[in-house]
Amino acid sequence: MPRKMNVGMLANQPRSSYRYTIDEYLTLEEKSEVRHEFYNGELYAIAGGTVNHNLLIDNVKDQLKGQTKAKGCRVFTENMKVDVLSGMYMPYPDVVLTCHDSIELLPEADDLIADEL
């Protein structure tokens, strides 16, 4: 399920002229206590969810799982980073539904690489 970026929230974060590589981002993210989304070399800290937000995610996940399991689809929740634009955009979507076999987990991580979603 695509998620719109909250431009207002991103605009409030300090801008740096430094552009991170994917490898630098993954290394930093592995050690960081705060999750970040990666977009075009920039990092954006993301906040934790509220109780209502988590209930909504659970409800959406349950509905998607129930309606697509017979088709061999899988549903993942917000704790998995997704490589959406081939190393250019790596968000933590609230819910990911995939019916493709072309997914792999990053080595020694719980993060998802998806060629097609």
PDB file of N, CA and C in Angstrom:
ATOM      1  N   MET A   1       0.856  -1.156   0.000  1.00  0.00           N
ATOM      2  CA  MET A   1       0.000   0.000   0.000  1.00  0.00           C
ATOM      3  C   MET A   1       0.910   1.228   0.000  1.00  0.00           C
ATOM      4  N   PRO A   2       0.877   2.033  -1.043  1.00  0.00           N
ATOM      5  CA  PRO A   2       1.739   3.211  -1.081  1.00  0.00           C
ATOM      6  C   PRO A   2       1.396   4.179   0.036  1.00  0.00           C
ATOM      7  N   ARG A   3       2.397   4.822   0.548  1.00  0.00           N
ATOM      8  CA  ARG A   3       2.192   5.785   1.616  1.00  0.00           C
ATOM      9  C   ARG A   3       2.684   7.134   1.126  1.00  0.00           C
ATOM     10  N   LYS A   4       1.865   8.155   1.315  1.00  0.00           N
ATOM     11  CA  LYS A   4       2.269   9.503   0.932  1.00  0.00           C
ATOM     12  C   LYS A   4       3.256  10.027   1.962  1.00  0.00           C
ATOM     13  N   MET A   5       4.281  10.680   1.481  1.00  0.00           N
ATOM     14  CA  MET A   5       5.242  11.285   2.397  1.00  0.00           C
ATOM     15  C   MET A   5       4.633  12.553   2.969  1.00  0.00           C
ATOM     16  N   ASN A   6       4.791  12.753   4.244  1.00  0.00           N
ATOM     17  CA  ASN A   6       4.310  13.952   4.906  1.00  0.00           C
ATOM     18  C   ASN A   6       5.344  15.048   4.676  1.00  0.00           C
ATOM     19  N   VAL A   7       5.112  15.848   3.643  1.00  0.00           N
ATOM     20  CA  VAL A   7       6.081  16.861   3.252  1.00  0.00           C
ATOM     21  C   VAL A   7       6.325  17.852   4.377  1.00  0.00           C
ATOM     22  N   GLY A   8       5.299  18.196   5.128  1.00  0.00           N
ATOM     23  CA  GLY A   8       5.462  19.117   6.245  1.00  0.00           C
ATOM     24  C   GLY A   8       6.422  18.577   7.281  1.00  0.00           C
ATOM     25  N   MET A   9       6.309  17.285   7.567  1.00  0.00           N
ATOM     26  CA  MET A   9       7.187  16.674   8.552  1.00  0.00           C
ATOM     27  C   MET A   9       8.631  16.659   8.037  1.00  0.00           C
ATOM     28  N   LEU A  10       8.801  16.339   6.752  1.00  0.00           N
ATOM     29  CA  LEU A  10      10.140  16.297   6.183  1.00  0.00           C
ATOM     30  C   LEU A  10      10.756  17.692   6.133  1.00  0.00           C
ATOM     31  N   ALA A  11       9.944  18.690   5.855  1.00  0.00           N
ATOM     32  CA  ALA A  11      10.447  20.058   5.746  1.00  0.00           C
ATOM     33  C   ALA A  11      10.975  20.573   7.077  1.00  0.00           C
ATOM     34  N   ASN A  12      10.474  20.039   8.177  1.00  0.00           N
ATOM     35  CA  ASN A  12      10.906  20.490   9.499  1.00  0.00           C
ATOM     36  C   ASN A  12      12.243  19.901   9.926  1.00  0.00           C
ATOM     37  N   GLN A  13      12.743  18.942   9.179  1.00  0.00           N
ATOM     38  CA  GLN A  13      14.003  18.322   9.554  1.00  0.00           C
ATOM     39  C   GLN A  13      15.166  19.096   8.933  1.00  0.00           C
ATOM     40  N   PRO A  14      16.275  19.188   9.654  1.00  0.00           N
ATOM     41  CA  PRO A  14      17.420  19.933   9.122  1.00  0.00           C
ATOM     42  C   PRO A  14      17.947  19.296   7.846  1.00  0.00           C
ATOM     43  N   ARG A  15      18.318  20.119   6.904  1.00  0.00           N
ATOM     44  CA  ARG A  15      18.870  19.654   5.637  1.00  0.00           C
ATOM     45  C   ARG A  15      20.391  19.618   5.723  1.00  0.00           C
ATOM     46  N   SER A  16      20.959  18.608   5.146  1.00  0.00           N
ATOM     47  CA  SER A  16      22.403  18.494   5.069  1.00  0.00           C
ATOM     48  C   SER A  16      22.765  18.387   3.599  1.00  0.00           C
ATOM     49  N   SER A  17      23.878  18.953   3.219  1.00  0.00           N
ATOM     50  CA  SER A  17      24.288  18.857   1.820  1.00  0.00           C
ATOM     51  C   SER A  17      24.930  17.499   1.538  1.00  0.00           C
ATOM     52  N   TYR A  18      25.238  16.743   2.588  1.00  0.00           N
ATOM     53  CA  TYR A  18      25.857  15.430   2.410  1.00  0.00           C
ATOM     54  C   TYR A  18      24.827  14.416   1.927  1.00  0.00           C
ATOM     55  N   ARG A  19      25.183  13.621   0.943  1.00  0.00           N
ATOM     56  CA  ARG A  19      24.324  12.556   0.429  1.00  0.00           C
ATOM     57  C   ARG A  19      24.944  11.214   0.825  1.00  0.00           C
ATOM     58  N   TYR A  20      24.182  10.415   1.542  1.00  0.00           N
ATOM     59  CA  TYR A  20      24.633   9.096   1.978  1.00  0.00           C
ATOM     60  C   TYR A  20      24.500   8.095   0.844  1.00  0.00           C
ATOM     61  N   THR A  21      25.403   7.120   0.822  1.00  0.00           N
ATOM     62  CA  THR A  21      25.241   5.988  -0.081  1.00  0.00           C
ATOM     63  C   THR A  21      24.334   4.976   0.608  1.00  0.00           C
ATOM     64  N   ILE A  22      23.828   4.028  -0.146  1.00  0.00           N
ATOM     65  CA  ILE A  22      23.000   2.970   0.442  1.00  0.00           C
ATOM     66  C   ILE A  22      23.788   2.216   1.507  1.00  0.00           C
ATOM     67  N   ASP A  23      25.041   1.878   1.214  1.00  0.00           N
ATOM     68  CA  ASP A  23      25.855   1.143   2.186  1.00  0.00           C
ATOM     69  C   ASP A  23      26.047   1.933   3.475  1.00  0.00           C
ATOM     70  N   GLU A  24      26.287   3.240   3.357  1.00  0.00           N
ATOM     71  CA  GLU A  24      26.429   4.077   4.551  1.00  0.00           C
ATOM     72  C   GLU A  24      25.124   4.102   5.338  1.00  0.00           C
ATOM     73  N   TYR A  25      24.017   4.250   4.620  1.00  0.00           N
ATOM     74  CA  TYR A  25      22.702   4.270   5.270  1.00  0.00           C
ATOM     75  C   TYR A  25      22.447   2.972   6.022  1.00  0.00           C
ATOM     76  N   LEU A  26      22.682   1.842   5.371  1.00  0.00           N
ATOM     77  CA  LEU A  26      22.421   0.548   6.006  1.00  0.00           C
ATOM     78  C   LEU A  26      23.300   0.355   7.242  1.00  0.00           C
ATOM     79  N   THR A  27      24.553   0.792   7.172  1.00  0.00           N
ATOM     80  CA  THR A  27      25.453   0.692   8.322  1.00  0.00           C
ATOM     81  C   THR A  27      24.973   1.573   9.468  1.00  0.00           C
ATOM     82  N   LEU A  28      24.609   2.817   9.157  1.00  0.00           N
ATOM     83  CA  LEU A  28      24.101   3.725  10.190  1.00  0.00           C
ATOM     84  C   LEU A  28      22.805   3.199  10.797  1.00  0.00           C
ATOM     85  N   GLU A  29      21.925   2.703   9.956  1.00  0.00           N
ATOM     86  CA  GLU A  29      20.616   2.234  10.414  1.00  0.00           C
ATOM     87  C   GLU A  29      20.757   1.033  11.344  1.00  0.00           C
ATOM     88  N   GLU A  30      21.728   0.202  11.058  1.00  0.00           N
ATOM     89  CA  GLU A  30      21.978  -0.987  11.877  1.00  0.00           C
ATOM     90  C   GLU A  30      22.356  -0.609  13.310  1.00  0.00           C
ATOM     91  N   LYS A  31      23.044   0.516  13.477  1.00  0.00           N
ATOM     92  CA  LYS A  31      23.538   0.935  14.788  1.00  0.00           C
ATOM     93  C   LYS A  31      22.650   1.965  15.473  1.00  0.00           C
ATOM     94  N   SER A  32      21.741   2.553  14.737  1.00  0.00           N
ATOM     95  CA  SER A  32      20.936   3.653  15.263  1.00  0.00           C
ATOM     96  C   SER A  32      19.785   3.163  16.132  1.00  0.00           C
ATOM     97  N   GLU A  33      19.476   3.935  17.169  1.00  0.00           N
ATOM     98  CA  GLU A  33      18.309   3.639  18.004  1.00  0.00           C
ATOM     99  C   GLU A  33      17.040   4.215  17.392  1.00  0.00           C
ATOM    100  N   VAL A  34      17.190   5.094  16.412  1.00  0.00           N
ATOM    101  CA  VAL A  34      16.064   5.724  15.725  1.00  0.00           C
ATOM    102  C   VAL A  34      16.037   5.220  14.287  1.00  0.00           C
ATOM    103  N   ARG A  35      14.852   4.867  13.802  1.00  0.00           N
ATOM    104  CA  ARG A  35      14.739   4.432  12.409  1.00  0.00           C
ATOM    105  C   ARG A  35      14.732   5.646  11.485  1.00  0.00           C
ATOM    106  N   HIS A  36      15.295   5.445  10.292  1.00  0.00           N
ATOM    107  CA  HIS A  36      15.333   6.502   9.286  1.00  0.00           C
ATOM    108  C   HIS A  36      14.857   5.945   7.953  1.00  0.00           C
ATOM    109  N   GLU A  37      14.179   6.774   7.189  1.00  0.00           N
ATOM    110  CA  GLU A  37      13.870   6.433   5.810  1.00  0.00           C
ATOM    111  C   GLU A  37      14.922   7.109   4.941  1.00  0.00           C
ATOM    112  N   PHE A  38      15.278   6.432   3.867  1.00  0.00           N
ATOM    113  CA  PHE A  38      16.309   6.907   2.948  1.00  0.00           C
ATOM    114  C   PHE A  38      15.633   7.375   1.678  1.00  0.00           C
ATOM    115  N   TYR A  39      15.928   8.601   1.255  1.00  0.00           N
ATOM    116  CA  TYR A  39      15.404   9.089  -0.019  1.00  0.00           C
ATOM    117  C   TYR A  39      16.484   9.894  -0.724  1.00  0.00           C
ATOM    118  N   ASN A  40      16.950   9.363  -1.841  1.00  0.00           N
ATOM    119  CA  ASN A  40      17.897  10.065  -2.701  1.00  0.00           C
ATOM    120  C   ASN A  40      19.116  10.585  -1.925  1.00  0.00           C
ATOM    121  N   GLY A  41      19.650   9.747  -1.040  1.00  0.00           N
ATOM    122  CA  GLY A  41      20.848  10.102  -0.293  1.00  0.00           C
ATOM    123  C   GLY A  41      20.608  10.853   0.999  1.00  0.00           C
ATOM    124  N   GLU A  42      19.355  11.228   1.262  1.00  0.00           N
ATOM    125  CA  GLU A  42      19.031  11.948   2.494  1.00  0.00           C
ATOM    126  C   GLU A  42      18.341  11.005   3.468  1.00  0.00           C
ATOM    127  N   LEU A  43      18.557  11.244   4.765  1.00  0.00           N
ATOM    128  CA  LEU A  43      17.950  10.425   5.807  1.00  0.00           C
ATOM    129  C   LEU A  43      16.900  11.236   6.545  1.00  0.00           C
ATOM    130  N   TYR A  44      15.762  10.593   6.826  1.00  0.00           N
ATOM    131  CA  TYR A  44      14.666  11.233   7.544  1.00  0.00           C
ATOM    132  C   TYR A  44      14.275  10.355   8.722  1.00  0.00           C
ATOM    133  N   ALA A  45      14.419  10.885   9.931  1.00  0.00           N
ATOM    134  CA  ALA A  45      14.033  10.147  11.132  1.00  0.00           C
ATOM    135  C   ALA A  45      12.524   9.954  11.125  1.00  0.00           C
ATOM    136  N   ILE A  46      12.084   8.774  11.542  1.00  0.00           N
ATOM    137  CA  ILE A  46      10.642   8.517  11.608  1.00  0.00           C
ATOM    138  C   ILE A  46      10.251   8.221  13.048  1.00  0.00           C
ATOM    139  N   ALA A  47       9.111   8.727  13.415  1.00  0.00           N
ATOM    140  CA  ALA A  47       8.625   8.595  14.791  1.00  0.00           C
ATOM    141  C   ALA A  47       7.904   7.269  14.985  1.00  0.00           C
ATOM    142  N   GLY A  48       7.796   6.865  16.233  1.00  0.00           N
ATOM    143  CA  GLY A  48       7.015   5.683  16.571  1.00  0.00           C
ATOM    144  C   GLY A  48       5.532   5.964  16.408  1.00  0.00           C
ATOM    145  N   GLY A  49       4.744   4.910  16.296  1.00  0.00           N
ATOM    146  CA  GLY A  49       3.310   5.068  16.078  1.00  0.00           C
ATOM    147  C   GLY A  49       2.521   5.188  17.371  1.00  0.00           C
ATOM    148  N   THR A  50       1.281   5.583  17.226  1.00  0.00           N
ATOM    149  CA  THR A  50       0.360   5.672  18.358  1.00  0.00           C
ATOM    150  C   THR A  50      -0.396   4.354  18.485  1.00  0.00           C
ATOM    151  N   VAL A  51      -1.143   4.202  19.552  1.00  0.00           N
ATOM    152  CA  VAL A  51      -1.965   3.003  19.740  1.00  0.00           C
ATOM    153  C   VAL A  51      -2.961   2.883  18.587  1.00  0.00           C
ATOM    154  N   ASN A  52      -3.647   3.971  18.250  1.00  0.00           N
ATOM    155  CA  ASN A  52      -4.619   3.929  17.154  1.00  0.00           C
ATOM    156  C   ASN A  52      -3.960   3.583  15.824  1.00  0.00           C
ATOM    157  N   HIS A  53      -2.777   4.122  15.594  1.00  0.00           N
ATOM    158  CA  HIS A  53      -2.044   3.824  14.365  1.00  0.00           C
ATOM    159  C   HIS A  53      -1.731   2.332  14.290  1.00  0.00           C
ATOM    160  N   ASN A  54      -1.272   1.760  15.395  1.00  0.00           N
ATOM    161  CA  ASN A  54      -0.952   0.333  15.417  1.00  0.00           C
ATOM    162  C   ASN A  54      -2.187  -0.540  15.259  1.00  0.00           C
ATOM    163  N   LEU A  55      -3.297  -0.136  15.848  1.00  0.00           N
ATOM    164  CA  LEU A  55      -4.546  -0.885  15.666  1.00  0.00           C
ATOM    165  C   LEU A  55      -4.981  -0.863  14.207  1.00  0.00           C
ATOM    166  N   LEU A  56      -4.850   0.282  13.570  1.00  0.00           N
ATOM    167  CA  LEU A  56      -5.195   0.400  12.157  1.00  0.00           C
ATOM    168  C   LEU A  56      -4.309  -0.497  11.298  1.00  0.00           C
ATOM    169  N   ILE A  57      -3.014  -0.496  11.571  1.00  0.00           N
ATOM    170  CA  ILE A  57      -2.086  -1.359  10.835  1.00  0.00           C
ATOM    171  C   ILE A  57      -2.472  -2.825  11.005  1.00  0.00           C
ATOM    172  N   ASP A  58      -2.765  -3.239  12.239  1.00  0.00           N
ATOM    173  CA  ASP A  58      -3.174  -4.625  12.492  1.00  0.00           C
ATOM    174  C   ASP A  58      -4.437  -4.985  11.723  1.00  0.00           C
ATOM    175  N   ASN A  59      -5.412  -4.089  11.713  1.00  0.00           N
ATOM    176  CA  ASN A  59      -6.663  -4.350  10.993  1.00  0.00           C
ATOM    177  C   ASN A  59      -6.435  -4.473   9.494  1.00  0.00           C
ATOM    178  N   VAL A  60      -5.631  -3.582   8.934  1.00  0.00           N
ATOM    179  CA  VAL A  60      -5.334  -3.639   7.498  1.00  0.00           C
ATOM    180  C   VAL A  60      -4.587  -4.924   7.173  1.00  0.00           C
ATOM    181  N   LYS A  61      -3.598  -5.266   7.995  1.00  0.00           N
ATOM    182  CA  LYS A  61      -2.828  -6.495   7.777  1.00  0.00           C
ATOM    183  C   LYS A  61      -3.741  -7.719   7.814  1.00  0.00           C
ATOM    184  N   ASP A  62      -4.609  -7.800   8.817  1.00  0.00           N
ATOM    185  CA  ASP A  62      -5.523  -8.941   8.934  1.00  0.00           C
ATOM    186  C   ASP A  62      -6.437  -9.054   7.724  1.00  0.00           C
ATOM    187  N   GLN A  63      -6.975  -7.929   7.263  1.00  0.00           N
ATOM    188  CA  GLN A  63      -7.860  -7.940   6.094  1.00  0.00           C
ATOM    189  C   GLN A  63      -7.114  -8.396   4.841  1.00  0.00           C
ATOM    190  N   LEU A  64      -5.931  -7.839   4.619  1.00  0.00           N
ATOM    191  CA  LEU A  64      -5.147  -8.212   3.440  1.00  0.00           C
ATOM    192  C   LEU A  64      -4.744  -9.678   3.487  1.00  0.00           C
ATOM    193  N   LYS A  65      -4.318 -10.123   4.645  1.00  0.00           N
ATOM    194  CA  LYS A  65      -3.893 -11.521   4.804  1.00  0.00           C
ATOM    195  C   LYS A  65      -5.053 -12.470   4.522  1.00  0.00           C
ATOM    196  N   GLY A  66      -6.213 -12.157   5.089  1.00  0.00           N
ATOM    197  CA  GLY A  66      -7.386 -13.006   4.888  1.00  0.00           C
ATOM    198  C   GLY A  66      -7.837 -13.075   3.441  1.00  0.00           C
ATOM    199  N   GLN A  67      -7.705 -11.980   2.718  1.00  0.00           N
ATOM    200  CA  GLN A  67      -8.184 -11.928   1.340  1.00  0.00           C
ATOM    201  C   GLN A  67      -7.164 -12.407   0.310  1.00  0.00           C
ATOM    202  N   THR A  68      -5.891 -12.514   0.690  1.00  0.00           N
ATOM    203  CA  THR A  68      -4.873 -12.838  -0.314  1.00  0.00           C
ATOM    204  C   THR A  68      -4.047 -14.085  -0.009  1.00  0.00           C
ATOM    205  N   LYS A  69      -4.220 -14.683   1.156  1.00  0.00           N
ATOM    206  CA  LYS A  69      -3.404 -15.838   1.541  1.00  0.00           C
ATOM    207  C   LYS A  69      -3.551 -16.997   0.559  1.00  0.00           C
ATOM    208  N   ALA A  70      -4.755 -17.255   0.101  1.00  0.00           N
ATOM    209  CA  ALA A  70      -4.997 -18.360  -0.832  1.00  0.00           C
ATOM    210  C   ALA A  70      -4.266 -18.155  -2.158  1.00  0.00           C
ATOM    211  N   LYS A  71      -3.940 -16.929  -2.473  1.00  0.00           N
ATOM    212  CA  LYS A  71      -3.221 -16.621  -3.717  1.00  0.00           C
ATOM    213  C   LYS A  71      -1.709 -16.708  -3.527  1.00  0.00           C
ATOM    214  N   GLY A  72      -1.268 -17.049  -2.325  1.00  0.00           N
ATOM    215  CA  GLY A  72       0.163 -17.149  -2.048  1.00  0.00           C
ATOM    216  C   GLY A  72       0.825 -15.824  -1.712  1.00  0.00           C
ATOM    217  N   CYS A  73       0.022 -14.832  -1.408  1.00  0.00           N
ATOM    218  CA  CYS A  73       0.564 -13.510  -1.075  1.00  0.00           C
ATOM    219  C   CYS A  73       1.010 -13.474   0.383  1.00  0.00           C
ATOM    220  N   ARG A  74       1.891 -12.539   0.678  1.00  0.00           N
ATOM    221  CA  ARG A  74       2.370 -12.350   2.043  1.00  0.00           C
ATOM    222  C   ARG A  74       2.218 -10.890   2.443  1.00  0.00           C
ATOM    223  N   VAL A  75       1.991 -10.689   3.732  1.00  0.00           N
ATOM    224  CA  VAL A  75       1.812  -9.342   4.276  1.00  0.00           C
ATOM    225  C   VAL A  75       2.877  -9.108   5.346  1.00  0.00           C
ATOM    226  N   PHE A  76       3.538  -7.965   5.249  1.00  0.00           N
ATOM    227  CA  PHE A  76       4.550  -7.564   6.222  1.00  0.00           C
ATOM    228  C   PHE A  76       4.129  -6.233   6.830  1.00  0.00           C
ATOM    229  N   THR A  77       4.590  -5.975   8.050  1.00  0.00           N
ATOM    230  CA  THR A  77       4.239  -4.710   8.697  1.00  0.00           C
ATOM    231  C   THR A  77       5.444  -3.776   8.796  1.00  0.00           C
ATOM    232  N   GLU A  78       5.225  -2.652   9.456  1.00  0.00           N
ATOM    233  CA  GLU A  78       6.101  -1.487   9.400  1.00  0.00           C
ATOM    234  C   GLU A  78       7.536  -1.656   9.867  1.00  0.00           C
ATOM    235  N   ASN A  79       7.919  -2.758  10.395  1.00  0.00           N
ATOM    236  CA  ASN A  79       9.288  -2.900  10.875  1.00  0.00           C
ATOM    237  C   ASN A  79      10.248  -3.417   9.818  1.00  0.00           C
ATOM    238  N   MET A  80       9.813  -3.395   8.580  1.00  0.00           N
ATOM    239  CA  MET A  80      10.668  -3.856   7.495  1.00  0.00           C
ATOM    240  C   MET A  80      10.900  -2.737   6.495  1.00  0.00           C
ATOM    241  N   LYS A  81      12.150  -2.498   6.237  1.00  0.00           N
ATOM    242  CA  LYS A  81      12.553  -1.488   5.262  1.00  0.00           C
ATOM    243  C   LYS A  81      12.387  -2.100   3.870  1.00  0.00           C
ATOM    244  N   VAL A  82      11.905  -1.314   2.909  1.00  0.00           N
ATOM    245  CA  VAL A  82      11.680  -1.808   1.554  1.00  0.00           C
ATOM    246  C   VAL A  82      12.477  -0.958   0.568  1.00  0.00           C
ATOM    247  N   ASP A  83      13.199  -1.625  -0.333  1.00  0.00           N
ATOM    248  CA  ASP A  83      13.942  -0.915  -1.377  1.00  0.00           C
ATOM    249  C   ASP A  83      12.990  -0.708  -2.548  1.00  0.00           C
ATOM    250  N   VAL A  84      12.312   0.416  -2.562  1.00  0.00           N
ATOM    251  CA  VAL A  84      11.255   0.675  -3.542  1.00  0.00           C
ATOM    252  C   VAL A  84      11.812   1.108  -4.888  1.00  0.00           C
ATOM    253  N   LEU A  85      12.736   2.033  -4.891  1.00  0.00           N
ATOM    254  CA  LEU A  85      13.257   2.590  -6.142  1.00  0.00           C
ATOM    255  C   LEU A  85      14.728   2.244  -6.336  1.00  0.00           C
ATOM    256  N   SER A  86      15.049   0.990  -6.247  1.00  0.00           N
ATOM    257  CA  SER A  86      16.389   0.499  -6.541  1.00  0.00           C
ATOM    258  C   SER A  86      17.505   1.355  -5.938  1.00  0.00           C
ATOM    259  N   GLY A  87      17.513   1.423  -4.630  1.00  0.00           N
ATOM    260  CA  GLY A  87      18.570   2.145  -3.940  1.00  0.00           C
ATOM    261  C   GLY A  87      18.369   3.644  -3.834  1.00  0.00           C
ATOM    262  N   MET A  88      17.206   4.133  -4.267  1.00  0.00           N
ATOM    263  CA  MET A  88      16.956   5.567  -4.179  1.00  0.00           C
ATOM    264  C   MET A  88      15.956   5.922  -3.084  1.00  0.00           C
ATOM    265  N   TYR A  89      15.030   5.019  -2.820  1.00  0.00           N
ATOM    266  CA  TYR A  89      14.005   5.285  -1.810  1.00  0.00           C
ATOM    267  C   TYR A  89      13.792   4.028  -0.991  1.00  0.00           C
ATOM    268  N   MET A  90      14.070   4.105   0.316  1.00  0.00           N
ATOM    269  CA  MET A  90      13.925   2.962   1.217  1.00  0.00           C
ATOM    270  C   MET A  90      13.091   3.372   2.425  1.00  0.00           C
ATOM    271  N   PRO A  91      11.775   3.230   2.328  1.00  0.00           N
ATOM    272  CA  PRO A  91      10.905   3.579   3.455  1.00  0.00           C
ATOM    273  C   PRO A  91      10.630   2.371   4.346  1.00  0.00           C
ATOM    274  N   TYR A  92       9.991   2.628   5.460  1.00  0.00           N
ATOM    275  CA  TYR A  92       9.421   1.603   6.325  1.00  0.00           C
ATOM    276  C   TYR A  92       7.903   1.729   6.159  1.00  0.00           C
ATOM    277  N   PRO A  93       7.319   1.095   5.153  1.00  0.00           N
ATOM    278  CA  PRO A  93       5.867   1.227   4.969  1.00  0.00           C
ATOM    279  C   PRO A  93       5.111   0.624   6.152  1.00  0.00           C
ATOM    280  N   ASP A  94       3.921   1.120   6.395  1.00  0.00           N
ATOM    281  CA  ASP A  94       3.098   0.562   7.469  1.00  0.00           C
ATOM    282  C   ASP A  94       2.725  -0.875   7.157  1.00  0.00           C
ATOM    283  N   VAL A  95       2.358  -1.149   5.912  1.00  0.00           N
ATOM    284  CA  VAL A  95       1.968  -2.490   5.492  1.00  0.00           C
ATOM    285  C   VAL A  95       2.497  -2.723   4.081  1.00  0.00           C
ATOM    286  N   VAL A  96       3.038  -3.925   3.852  1.00  0.00           N
ATOM    287  CA  VAL A  96       3.499  -4.313   2.520  1.00  0.00           C
ATOM    288  C   VAL A  96       2.796  -5.606   2.146  1.00  0.00           C
ATOM    289  N   LEU A  97       2.179  -5.617   0.986  1.00  0.00           N
ATOM    290  CA  LEU A  97       1.553  -6.822   0.439  1.00  0.00           C
ATOM    291  C   LEU A  97       2.323  -7.196  -0.809  1.00  0.00           C
ATOM    292  N   THR A  98       2.801  -8.427  -0.878  1.00  0.00           N
ATOM    293  CA  THR A  98       3.475  -8.887  -2.082  1.00  0.00           C
ATOM    294  C   THR A  98       2.946 -10.252  -2.478  1.00  0.00           C
ATOM    295  N   CYS A  99       2.731 -10.414  -3.760  1.00  0.00           N
ATOM    296  CA  CYS A  99       2.294 -11.696  -4.309  1.00  0.00           C
ATOM    297  C   CYS A  99       3.372 -12.242  -5.239  1.00  0.00           C
ATOM    298  N   HIS A 100       4.557 -11.665  -5.176  1.00  0.00           N
ATOM    299  CA  HIS A 100       5.676 -12.065  -6.022  1.00  0.00           C
ATOM    300  C   HIS A 100       6.682 -12.863  -5.215  1.00  0.00           C
ATOM    301  N   ASP A 101       7.407 -13.724  -5.908  1.00  0.00           N
ATOM    302  CA  ASP A 101       8.465 -14.488  -5.261  1.00  0.00           C
ATOM    303  C   ASP A 101       9.785 -13.727  -5.261  1.00  0.00           C
ATOM    304  N   SER A 102       9.824 -12.574  -5.924  1.00  0.00           N
ATOM    305  CA  SER A 102      11.082 -11.845  -6.099  1.00  0.00           C
ATOM    306  C   SER A 102      11.397 -10.951  -4.904  1.00  0.00           C
ATOM    307  N   ILE A 103      11.361 -11.546  -3.715  1.00  0.00           N
ATOM    308  CA  ILE A 103      11.752 -10.792  -2.525  1.00  0.00           C
ATOM    309  C   ILE A 103      12.864 -11.545  -1.827  1.00  0.00           C
ATOM    310  N   GLU A 104      13.691 -10.802  -1.143  1.00  0.00           N
ATOM    311  CA  GLU A 104      14.757 -11.418  -0.354  1.00  0.00           C
ATOM    312  C   GLU A 104      15.003 -10.556   0.869  1.00  0.00           C
ATOM    313  N   LEU A 105      15.462 -11.187   1.905  1.00  0.00           N
ATOM    314  CA  LEU A 105      15.827 -10.448   3.109  1.00  0.00           C
ATOM    315  C   LEU A 105      17.290 -10.063   3.007  1.00  0.00           C
ATOM    316  N   LEU A 106      17.603  -8.877   3.487  1.00  0.00           N
ATOM    317  CA  LEU A 106      18.999  -8.477   3.537  1.00  0.00           C
ATOM    318  C   LEU A 106      19.730  -9.414   4.491  1.00  0.00           C
ATOM    319  N   PRO A 107      20.984  -9.736   4.222  1.00  0.00           N
ATOM    320  CA  PRO A 107      21.734 -10.632   5.110  1.00  0.00           C
ATOM    321  C   PRO A 107      21.745 -10.122   6.546  1.00  0.00           C
ATOM    322  N   GLU A 108      21.528 -11.039   7.477  1.00  0.00           N
ATOM    323  CA  GLU A 108      21.570 -10.754   8.909  1.00  0.00           C
ATOM    324  C   GLU A 108      20.653  -9.614   9.322  1.00  0.00           C
ATOM    325  N   ALA A 109      19.519  -9.487   8.651  1.00  0.00           N
ATOM    326  CA  ALA A 109      18.583  -8.412   8.991  1.00  0.00           C
ATOM    327  C   ALA A 109      17.163  -8.890   8.742  1.00  0.00           C
ATOM    328  N   ASP A 110      16.221  -8.112   9.216  1.00  0.00           N
ATOM    329  CA  ASP A 110      14.819  -8.412   8.973  1.00  0.00           C
ATOM    330  C   ASP A 110      14.255  -7.464   7.924  1.00  0.00           C
ATOM    331  N   ASP A 111      15.112  -6.961   7.072  1.00  0.00           N
ATOM    332  CA  ASP A 111      14.686  -5.977   6.099  1.00  0.00           C
ATOM    333  C   ASP A 111      14.436  -6.633   4.753  1.00  0.00           C
ATOM    334  N   LEU A 112      13.485  -6.094   4.043  1.00  0.00           N
ATOM    335  CA  LEU A 112      12.992  -6.691   2.816  1.00  0.00           C
ATOM    336  C   LEU A 112      13.479  -5.925   1.607  1.00  0.00           C
ATOM    337  N   ILE A 113      13.974  -6.658   0.629  1.00  0.00           N
ATOM    338  CA  ILE A 113      14.274  -6.071  -0.671  1.00  0.00           C
ATOM    339  C   ILE A 113      13.203  -6.597  -1.612  1.00  0.00           C
ATOM    340  N   ALA A 114      12.521  -5.718  -2.291  1.00  0.00           N
ATOM    341  CA  ALA A 114      11.440  -6.136  -3.177  1.00  0.00           C
ATOM    342  C   ALA A 114      11.647  -5.539  -4.554  1.00  0.00           C
ATOM    343  N   ASP A 115      11.756  -6.407  -5.551  1.00  0.00           N
ATOM    344  CA  ASP A 115      11.877  -5.925  -6.920  1.00  0.00           C
ATOM    345  C   ASP A 115      10.537  -5.426  -7.430  1.00  0.00           C
ATOM    346  N   GLU A 116       9.497  -6.126  -7.073  1.00  0.00           N
ATOM    347  CA  GLU A 116       8.159  -5.730  -7.502  1.00  0.00           C
ATOM    348  C   GLU A 116       7.217  -5.872  -6.326  1.00  0.00           C
ATOM    349  N   LEU A 117       6.421  -4.877  -6.116  1.00  0.00           N
ATOM    350  CA  LEU A 117       5.411  -4.937  -5.065  1.00  0.00           C
ATOM    351  C   LEU A 117       4.053  -4.780  -5.688  1.00  0.00           C
TER     352      LEU A 117
END
